[in-house]
N, C-alpha and C. Protein backbone atom coordinates (compact mmCIF):
# COMPACT_ATOMS: atom_id res chain seq x y z
N UNK A 1 74.47 -14.50 169.44
CA UNK A 1 74.78 -15.44 168.38
C UNK A 1 75.16 -14.67 167.12
N UNK A 2 75.97 -15.28 166.33
CA UNK A 2 76.43 -14.66 165.09
C UNK A 2 75.42 -14.92 163.97
N UNK A 3 75.41 -14.03 162.96
CA UNK A 3 74.48 -14.24 161.84
C UNK A 3 74.59 -15.63 161.20
N UNK A 4 75.77 -16.18 161.09
CA UNK A 4 75.89 -17.50 160.45
C UNK A 4 75.16 -18.58 161.24
N UNK A 5 75.09 -18.44 162.57
CA UNK A 5 74.36 -19.41 163.39
C UNK A 5 72.85 -19.30 163.14
N UNK A 6 72.35 -18.08 163.01
CA UNK A 6 70.94 -17.90 162.72
C UNK A 6 70.61 -18.35 161.30
N UNK A 7 71.52 -18.16 160.36
CA UNK A 7 71.28 -18.64 158.99
C UNK A 7 71.22 -20.16 158.96
N UNK A 8 72.05 -20.82 159.77
CA UNK A 8 71.99 -22.28 159.88
C UNK A 8 70.69 -22.71 160.54
N UNK A 9 70.29 -22.00 161.59
CA UNK A 9 69.00 -22.24 162.25
C UNK A 9 67.87 -22.14 161.23
N UNK A 10 67.93 -21.12 160.37
CA UNK A 10 66.89 -20.92 159.37
C UNK A 10 66.79 -22.11 158.42
N UNK A 11 67.94 -22.67 158.02
CA UNK A 11 67.93 -23.81 157.12
C UNK A 11 67.12 -24.96 157.69
N UNK A 12 67.26 -25.22 158.99
CA UNK A 12 66.59 -26.35 159.62
C UNK A 12 65.18 -26.03 160.12
N UNK A 13 64.95 -24.81 160.60
CA UNK A 13 63.66 -24.48 161.22
C UNK A 13 62.74 -23.64 160.34
N UNK A 14 63.30 -22.92 159.38
CA UNK A 14 62.51 -22.08 158.46
C UNK A 14 62.98 -22.32 157.02
N UNK A 15 62.86 -23.54 156.54
CA UNK A 15 63.44 -23.85 155.23
C UNK A 15 62.86 -23.05 154.07
N UNK A 16 61.59 -22.69 154.13
CA UNK A 16 61.02 -21.89 153.04
C UNK A 16 61.73 -20.54 152.93
N UNK A 17 62.03 -19.94 154.07
CA UNK A 17 62.76 -18.67 154.06
C UNK A 17 64.18 -18.86 153.53
N UNK A 18 64.84 -19.93 153.97
CA UNK A 18 66.21 -20.17 153.53
C UNK A 18 66.26 -20.39 152.03
N UNK A 19 65.37 -21.25 151.49
CA UNK A 19 65.37 -21.52 150.05
C UNK A 19 64.99 -20.29 149.24
N UNK A 20 64.20 -19.39 149.84
CA UNK A 20 63.83 -18.15 149.16
C UNK A 20 64.97 -17.15 149.13
N UNK A 21 66.00 -17.38 149.92
CA UNK A 21 67.17 -16.49 149.91
C UNK A 21 67.27 -15.53 151.07
N UNK A 22 66.44 -15.69 152.08
CA UNK A 22 66.50 -14.82 153.25
C UNK A 22 67.79 -15.11 154.01
N UNK A 23 68.58 -14.06 154.30
CA UNK A 23 69.84 -14.22 155.03
C UNK A 23 70.02 -13.08 156.02
N UNK A 24 70.38 -13.43 157.24
CA UNK A 24 70.72 -12.44 158.25
C UNK A 24 72.11 -11.92 157.95
N UNK A 25 72.24 -10.61 157.81
CA UNK A 25 73.53 -9.99 157.49
C UNK A 25 74.20 -9.37 158.70
N UNK A 26 73.41 -8.80 159.60
CA UNK A 26 73.99 -8.13 160.78
C UNK A 26 72.99 -8.20 161.93
N UNK A 27 73.55 -8.34 163.14
CA UNK A 27 72.73 -8.40 164.34
C UNK A 27 73.52 -7.82 165.50
N UNK A 28 72.91 -6.87 166.20
CA UNK A 28 73.50 -6.38 167.44
C UNK A 28 72.36 -6.14 168.43
N UNK A 29 72.64 -5.48 169.54
CA UNK A 29 71.65 -5.31 170.61
C UNK A 29 70.46 -4.45 170.21
N UNK A 30 70.61 -3.62 169.19
CA UNK A 30 69.54 -2.72 168.82
C UNK A 30 68.93 -3.00 167.46
N UNK A 31 69.63 -3.70 166.58
CA UNK A 31 69.09 -3.85 165.24
C UNK A 31 69.50 -5.15 164.57
N UNK A 32 68.72 -5.49 163.55
CA UNK A 32 69.00 -6.66 162.72
C UNK A 32 68.79 -6.26 161.27
N UNK A 33 69.68 -6.74 160.40
CA UNK A 33 69.54 -6.50 158.97
C UNK A 33 69.48 -7.83 158.26
N UNK A 34 68.46 -7.98 157.42
CA UNK A 34 68.22 -9.21 156.67
C UNK A 34 68.15 -8.83 155.20
N UNK A 35 68.72 -9.68 154.35
CA UNK A 35 68.67 -9.43 152.92
C UNK A 35 67.99 -10.58 152.19
N UNK A 36 67.48 -10.27 151.02
CA UNK A 36 66.92 -11.27 150.11
C UNK A 36 67.13 -10.75 148.69
N UNK A 37 67.60 -11.61 147.82
CA UNK A 37 67.87 -11.24 146.43
C UNK A 37 66.82 -11.91 145.53
N UNK A 38 66.33 -11.14 144.57
CA UNK A 38 65.40 -11.69 143.59
C UNK A 38 66.06 -12.86 142.87
N UNK A 39 65.38 -13.99 142.84
CA UNK A 39 65.89 -15.15 142.12
C UNK A 39 64.71 -15.95 141.58
N UNK A 40 65.01 -17.03 140.88
CA UNK A 40 63.97 -17.85 140.27
C UNK A 40 62.98 -18.36 141.30
N UNK A 41 63.45 -18.69 142.49
CA UNK A 41 62.62 -19.32 143.51
C UNK A 41 61.63 -18.34 144.15
N UNK A 42 61.96 -17.05 144.20
CA UNK A 42 61.09 -16.10 144.92
C UNK A 42 60.42 -15.07 144.01
N UNK A 43 60.52 -15.26 142.69
CA UNK A 43 59.92 -14.27 141.79
C UNK A 43 58.45 -14.57 141.51
N UNK A 44 57.75 -13.57 141.07
CA UNK A 44 56.36 -13.70 140.66
C UNK A 44 56.27 -13.55 139.14
N UNK A 45 55.09 -13.70 138.55
CA UNK A 45 54.98 -13.59 137.08
C UNK A 45 55.27 -12.19 136.54
N UNK A 46 55.39 -11.20 137.42
CA UNK A 46 55.61 -9.82 137.00
C UNK A 46 57.07 -9.40 137.07
N UNK A 47 57.96 -10.39 137.20
CA UNK A 47 59.41 -10.19 137.22
C UNK A 47 59.88 -9.38 138.42
N UNK A 48 59.19 -9.55 139.52
CA UNK A 48 59.61 -8.94 140.78
C UNK A 48 59.44 -9.97 141.88
N UNK A 49 59.83 -9.60 143.09
CA UNK A 49 59.80 -10.53 144.21
C UNK A 49 58.38 -10.71 144.74
N UNK A 50 58.02 -11.96 144.97
CA UNK A 50 56.72 -12.31 145.54
C UNK A 50 56.59 -11.64 146.90
N UNK A 51 55.44 -11.08 147.17
CA UNK A 51 55.25 -10.31 148.41
C UNK A 51 55.51 -11.15 149.65
N UNK A 52 55.16 -12.44 149.62
CA UNK A 52 55.33 -13.28 150.80
C UNK A 52 56.81 -13.49 151.13
N UNK A 53 57.66 -13.52 150.12
CA UNK A 53 59.10 -13.66 150.36
C UNK A 53 59.64 -12.40 151.01
N UNK A 54 59.15 -11.25 150.59
CA UNK A 54 59.53 -10.01 151.28
C UNK A 54 59.06 -10.06 152.72
N UNK A 55 57.87 -10.60 152.93
CA UNK A 55 57.33 -10.72 154.29
C UNK A 55 58.17 -11.61 155.17
N UNK A 56 58.68 -12.72 154.61
CA UNK A 56 59.54 -13.61 155.40
C UNK A 56 60.81 -12.87 155.84
N UNK A 57 61.40 -12.11 154.93
CA UNK A 57 62.62 -11.38 155.27
C UNK A 57 62.33 -10.29 156.30
N UNK A 58 61.23 -9.58 156.10
CA UNK A 58 60.87 -8.52 157.04
C UNK A 58 60.56 -9.09 158.42
N UNK A 59 59.79 -10.18 158.46
CA UNK A 59 59.46 -10.78 159.76
C UNK A 59 60.72 -11.29 160.45
N UNK A 60 61.63 -11.88 159.70
CA UNK A 60 62.85 -12.40 160.32
C UNK A 60 63.69 -11.26 160.90
N UNK A 61 63.70 -10.10 160.25
CA UNK A 61 64.48 -8.98 160.80
C UNK A 61 63.93 -8.53 162.15
N UNK A 62 62.63 -8.63 162.36
CA UNK A 62 62.07 -8.28 163.66
C UNK A 62 62.16 -9.47 164.62
N UNK A 63 61.83 -10.65 164.13
CA UNK A 63 61.78 -11.83 164.98
C UNK A 63 63.13 -12.26 165.53
N UNK A 64 64.18 -12.10 164.74
CA UNK A 64 65.50 -12.50 165.23
C UNK A 64 65.93 -11.60 166.39
N UNK A 65 65.53 -10.34 166.35
CA UNK A 65 65.82 -9.44 167.48
C UNK A 65 65.06 -9.90 168.73
N UNK A 66 63.80 -10.26 168.55
CA UNK A 66 63.00 -10.74 169.69
C UNK A 66 63.62 -12.02 170.25
N UNK A 67 63.98 -12.96 169.36
CA UNK A 67 64.58 -14.23 169.82
C UNK A 67 65.87 -13.98 170.60
N UNK A 68 66.71 -13.10 170.09
CA UNK A 68 67.99 -12.82 170.75
C UNK A 68 67.78 -12.15 172.11
N UNK A 69 66.82 -11.23 172.19
CA UNK A 69 66.54 -10.56 173.46
C UNK A 69 65.97 -11.54 174.48
N UNK A 70 65.11 -12.45 174.03
CA UNK A 70 64.57 -13.46 174.94
C UNK A 70 65.69 -14.37 175.43
N UNK A 71 66.55 -14.80 174.52
CA UNK A 71 67.66 -15.68 174.89
C UNK A 71 68.55 -15.03 175.94
N UNK A 72 68.84 -13.76 175.76
CA UNK A 72 69.73 -13.08 176.70
C UNK A 72 69.04 -12.71 178.01
N UNK A 73 67.71 -12.79 178.07
CA UNK A 73 66.99 -12.47 179.32
C UNK A 73 67.09 -13.59 180.34
N UNK A 74 67.43 -14.80 179.91
CA UNK A 74 67.50 -15.98 180.78
C UNK A 74 66.16 -16.33 181.41
N UNK A 75 65.06 -16.01 180.72
CA UNK A 75 63.71 -16.38 181.15
C UNK A 75 63.06 -17.18 180.03
N UNK A 76 62.15 -18.07 180.41
CA UNK A 76 61.39 -18.84 179.43
C UNK A 76 60.21 -17.98 178.98
N UNK A 77 60.31 -17.45 177.77
CA UNK A 77 59.30 -16.54 177.23
C UNK A 77 58.91 -17.03 175.85
N UNK A 78 57.61 -17.09 175.60
CA UNK A 78 57.13 -17.47 174.27
C UNK A 78 56.87 -16.21 173.45
N UNK A 79 56.92 -16.38 172.13
CA UNK A 79 56.71 -15.25 171.23
C UNK A 79 55.83 -15.69 170.07
N UNK A 80 55.03 -14.75 169.57
CA UNK A 80 54.13 -15.06 168.47
C UNK A 80 53.73 -13.77 167.76
N UNK A 81 53.62 -13.83 166.44
CA UNK A 81 53.09 -12.69 165.69
C UNK A 81 51.57 -12.74 165.80
N UNK A 82 50.97 -11.65 166.27
CA UNK A 82 49.52 -11.57 166.42
C UNK A 82 48.88 -11.02 165.14
N UNK A 83 49.54 -10.07 164.51
CA UNK A 83 49.05 -9.53 163.24
C UNK A 83 50.16 -8.80 162.53
N UNK A 84 49.94 -8.57 161.23
CA UNK A 84 50.91 -7.80 160.46
C UNK A 84 50.19 -6.97 159.40
N UNK A 85 50.90 -5.95 158.96
CA UNK A 85 50.38 -5.04 157.94
C UNK A 85 51.54 -4.71 157.01
N UNK A 86 51.25 -4.62 155.74
CA UNK A 86 52.30 -4.32 154.78
C UNK A 86 51.81 -3.34 153.73
N UNK A 87 52.73 -2.51 153.27
CA UNK A 87 52.47 -1.62 152.13
C UNK A 87 53.61 -1.80 151.14
N UNK A 88 53.27 -1.71 149.86
CA UNK A 88 54.25 -1.90 148.80
C UNK A 88 54.24 -0.66 147.91
N UNK A 89 55.43 -0.13 147.64
CA UNK A 89 55.50 1.12 146.90
C UNK A 89 56.23 1.02 145.57
N UNK A 90 56.93 -0.08 145.33
CA UNK A 90 57.72 -0.23 144.11
C UNK A 90 57.99 -1.71 143.90
N UNK A 91 58.20 -2.12 142.65
CA UNK A 91 58.57 -3.51 142.39
C UNK A 91 59.88 -3.83 143.09
N UNK A 92 59.93 -4.98 143.73
CA UNK A 92 61.14 -5.41 144.42
C UNK A 92 61.97 -6.26 143.46
N UNK A 93 63.08 -5.72 143.01
CA UNK A 93 64.00 -6.43 142.13
C UNK A 93 65.40 -6.29 142.68
N UNK A 94 66.27 -7.20 142.32
CA UNK A 94 67.65 -7.15 142.82
C UNK A 94 67.72 -7.53 144.28
N UNK A 95 68.65 -6.91 145.00
CA UNK A 95 68.87 -7.16 146.43
C UNK A 95 68.01 -6.21 147.25
N UNK A 96 67.23 -6.79 148.18
CA UNK A 96 66.40 -6.00 149.08
C UNK A 96 66.89 -6.24 150.50
N UNK A 97 67.04 -5.17 151.26
CA UNK A 97 67.48 -5.27 152.65
C UNK A 97 66.38 -4.75 153.57
N UNK A 98 66.14 -5.51 154.63
CA UNK A 98 65.17 -5.13 155.65
C UNK A 98 65.92 -4.89 156.95
N UNK A 99 65.61 -3.77 157.60
CA UNK A 99 66.28 -3.44 158.84
C UNK A 99 65.24 -3.15 159.91
N UNK A 100 65.45 -3.73 161.08
CA UNK A 100 64.65 -3.41 162.26
C UNK A 100 65.61 -2.89 163.31
N UNK A 101 65.39 -1.67 163.79
CA UNK A 101 66.30 -1.06 164.77
C UNK A 101 65.56 -0.67 166.04
N UNK A 102 64.69 -1.56 166.52
CA UNK A 102 63.85 -1.24 167.67
C UNK A 102 64.12 -2.15 168.86
N UNK A 103 65.39 -2.46 169.07
CA UNK A 103 65.77 -3.32 170.19
C UNK A 103 65.32 -2.80 171.54
N UNK A 104 65.34 -1.49 171.73
CA UNK A 104 64.93 -0.90 173.01
C UNK A 104 63.46 -1.18 173.31
N UNK A 105 62.64 -1.19 172.28
CA UNK A 105 61.21 -1.48 172.47
C UNK A 105 61.02 -2.92 172.97
N UNK A 106 61.82 -3.84 172.44
CA UNK A 106 61.75 -5.24 172.86
C UNK A 106 62.23 -5.37 174.31
N UNK A 107 63.33 -4.69 174.63
CA UNK A 107 63.84 -4.71 176.01
C UNK A 107 62.76 -4.31 177.00
N UNK A 108 62.03 -3.24 176.67
CA UNK A 108 60.99 -2.74 177.57
C UNK A 108 59.86 -3.76 177.72
N UNK A 109 59.44 -4.36 176.61
CA UNK A 109 58.36 -5.35 176.67
C UNK A 109 58.77 -6.57 177.49
N UNK A 110 59.99 -7.03 177.32
CA UNK A 110 60.47 -8.17 178.10
C UNK A 110 60.55 -7.82 179.58
N UNK A 111 61.06 -6.64 179.89
CA UNK A 111 61.13 -6.20 181.29
C UNK A 111 59.73 -6.12 181.90
N UNK A 112 58.77 -5.58 181.16
CA UNK A 112 57.39 -5.48 181.66
C UNK A 112 56.79 -6.86 181.87
N UNK A 113 57.06 -7.79 180.97
CA UNK A 113 56.54 -9.16 181.11
C UNK A 113 57.12 -9.83 182.34
N UNK A 114 58.41 -9.71 182.54
CA UNK A 114 59.07 -10.34 183.69
C UNK A 114 58.57 -9.72 184.99
N UNK A 115 58.46 -8.40 185.01
CA UNK A 115 58.04 -7.71 186.24
C UNK A 115 56.58 -7.99 186.59
N UNK A 116 55.70 -7.94 185.60
CA UNK A 116 54.26 -8.07 185.88
C UNK A 116 53.75 -9.50 185.78
N UNK A 117 54.45 -10.34 185.04
CA UNK A 117 53.95 -11.69 184.79
C UNK A 117 52.87 -11.73 183.72
N UNK A 118 52.53 -10.58 183.19
CA UNK A 118 51.49 -10.45 182.16
C UNK A 118 52.12 -10.45 180.77
N UNK A 119 51.39 -10.98 179.80
CA UNK A 119 51.84 -10.93 178.41
C UNK A 119 51.87 -9.51 177.90
N UNK A 120 52.68 -9.27 176.91
CA UNK A 120 52.82 -7.94 176.33
C UNK A 120 52.64 -8.01 174.82
N UNK A 121 52.12 -6.93 174.25
CA UNK A 121 52.03 -6.76 172.81
C UNK A 121 52.84 -5.53 172.45
N UNK A 122 53.56 -5.62 171.34
CA UNK A 122 54.33 -4.47 170.87
C UNK A 122 54.52 -4.60 169.36
N UNK A 123 54.65 -3.48 168.70
CA UNK A 123 54.81 -3.46 167.25
C UNK A 123 56.25 -3.16 166.87
N UNK A 124 56.73 -3.89 165.87
CA UNK A 124 58.04 -3.66 165.28
C UNK A 124 57.87 -3.50 163.78
N UNK A 125 58.71 -2.68 163.18
CA UNK A 125 58.59 -2.47 161.74
C UNK A 125 59.91 -2.75 161.04
N UNK A 126 59.79 -3.05 159.75
CA UNK A 126 60.95 -3.27 158.89
C UNK A 126 60.61 -2.70 157.52
N UNK A 127 61.55 -1.97 156.96
CA UNK A 127 61.37 -1.36 155.65
C UNK A 127 62.31 -2.02 154.66
N UNK A 128 61.76 -2.39 153.51
CA UNK A 128 62.55 -2.99 152.45
C UNK A 128 63.12 -1.92 151.53
N UNK A 129 64.43 -1.94 151.38
CA UNK A 129 65.12 -0.94 150.56
C UNK A 129 65.94 -1.67 149.51
N UNK A 130 65.81 -1.24 148.25
CA UNK A 130 66.56 -1.91 147.18
C UNK A 130 67.99 -1.36 147.08
N UNK A 131 68.75 -1.91 146.14
CA UNK A 131 70.17 -1.54 146.02
C UNK A 131 70.37 -0.09 145.58
N UNK A 132 69.32 0.57 145.09
CA UNK A 132 69.40 1.98 144.71
C UNK A 132 68.96 2.92 145.83
N UNK A 133 68.59 2.34 146.97
CA UNK A 133 68.15 3.15 148.10
C UNK A 133 66.67 3.48 148.09
N UNK A 134 65.91 2.89 147.17
CA UNK A 134 64.47 3.16 147.09
C UNK A 134 63.71 2.21 148.01
N UNK A 135 62.70 2.75 148.67
CA UNK A 135 61.84 1.94 149.53
C UNK A 135 60.89 1.15 148.63
N UNK A 136 60.87 -0.16 148.81
CA UNK A 136 59.97 -1.02 148.02
C UNK A 136 58.79 -1.52 148.84
N UNK A 137 58.96 -1.67 150.15
CA UNK A 137 57.88 -2.16 151.00
C UNK A 137 58.14 -1.78 152.45
N UNK A 138 57.07 -1.81 153.22
CA UNK A 138 57.17 -1.52 154.65
C UNK A 138 56.24 -2.49 155.37
N UNK A 139 56.75 -3.16 156.38
CA UNK A 139 55.99 -4.14 157.14
C UNK A 139 55.94 -3.74 158.60
N UNK A 140 54.80 -3.97 159.22
CA UNK A 140 54.64 -3.81 160.67
C UNK A 140 54.12 -5.13 161.23
N UNK A 141 54.76 -5.59 162.29
CA UNK A 141 54.38 -6.84 162.95
C UNK A 141 54.03 -6.54 164.39
N UNK A 142 52.87 -7.03 164.82
CA UNK A 142 52.52 -6.95 166.23
C UNK A 142 52.94 -8.28 166.87
N UNK A 143 53.92 -8.21 167.76
CA UNK A 143 54.44 -9.38 168.45
C UNK A 143 53.77 -9.47 169.82
N UNK A 144 53.55 -10.69 170.28
CA UNK A 144 53.09 -10.93 171.65
C UNK A 144 54.12 -11.82 172.32
N UNK A 145 54.38 -11.50 173.58
CA UNK A 145 55.28 -12.34 174.39
C UNK A 145 54.62 -12.61 175.72
N UNK A 146 54.96 -13.74 176.32
CA UNK A 146 54.47 -14.04 177.67
C UNK A 146 55.41 -15.06 178.30
N UNK A 147 55.44 -15.05 179.63
CA UNK A 147 56.23 -16.03 180.36
C UNK A 147 55.63 -17.40 180.15
N UNK A 148 56.48 -18.39 179.95
CA UNK A 148 55.99 -19.76 179.83
C UNK A 148 55.69 -20.29 181.23
N UNK A 149 54.63 -21.08 181.31
CA UNK A 149 54.23 -21.63 182.60
C UNK A 149 55.13 -22.76 183.03
C-alpha cells in the first residue's frame, strides 16, 4: 500500500495521531518513515512536542511495517504492543522524523509464527531526528504476534 492509503487509514482508525500531525512519508519492504511537525495541537507548555505525540509517530513507524508484512503474508495474524520504552535527549521542535528499518526482523517473526503456530515477541525501535539531524528521542516497542484462531 502507498503512504497516502495509510494516511487515510490513520484519519479513520487513529484520529488522534492524524490530528496531531503524524504522517507516513515512505514505506518499503524494509523500512518506514513517519514525520510529525510541532504545531498548536501537539505542543506542551514548554514550547516543544508532547512526548505522547512523539510516541504515536514512533509507534506508527514500527506498526505500519508490521501491518504491511502481515498483509503480504496472506495469513490471519493479530498484533499488539506488549510494552514500550522511550528516552528523550533534546526538546522536539520543528519537523521530527521517525524511521524503523527492521523489516527483516518482522519477516522472521512472522515466518516463525506461521511455522510453529506459536505467538512471537520481537522488539522494534524508532529514533526521532529533527530537521538539523539531532536525535531528540528513541523508542523501543515490544510487539507480539500470533495466528488468529
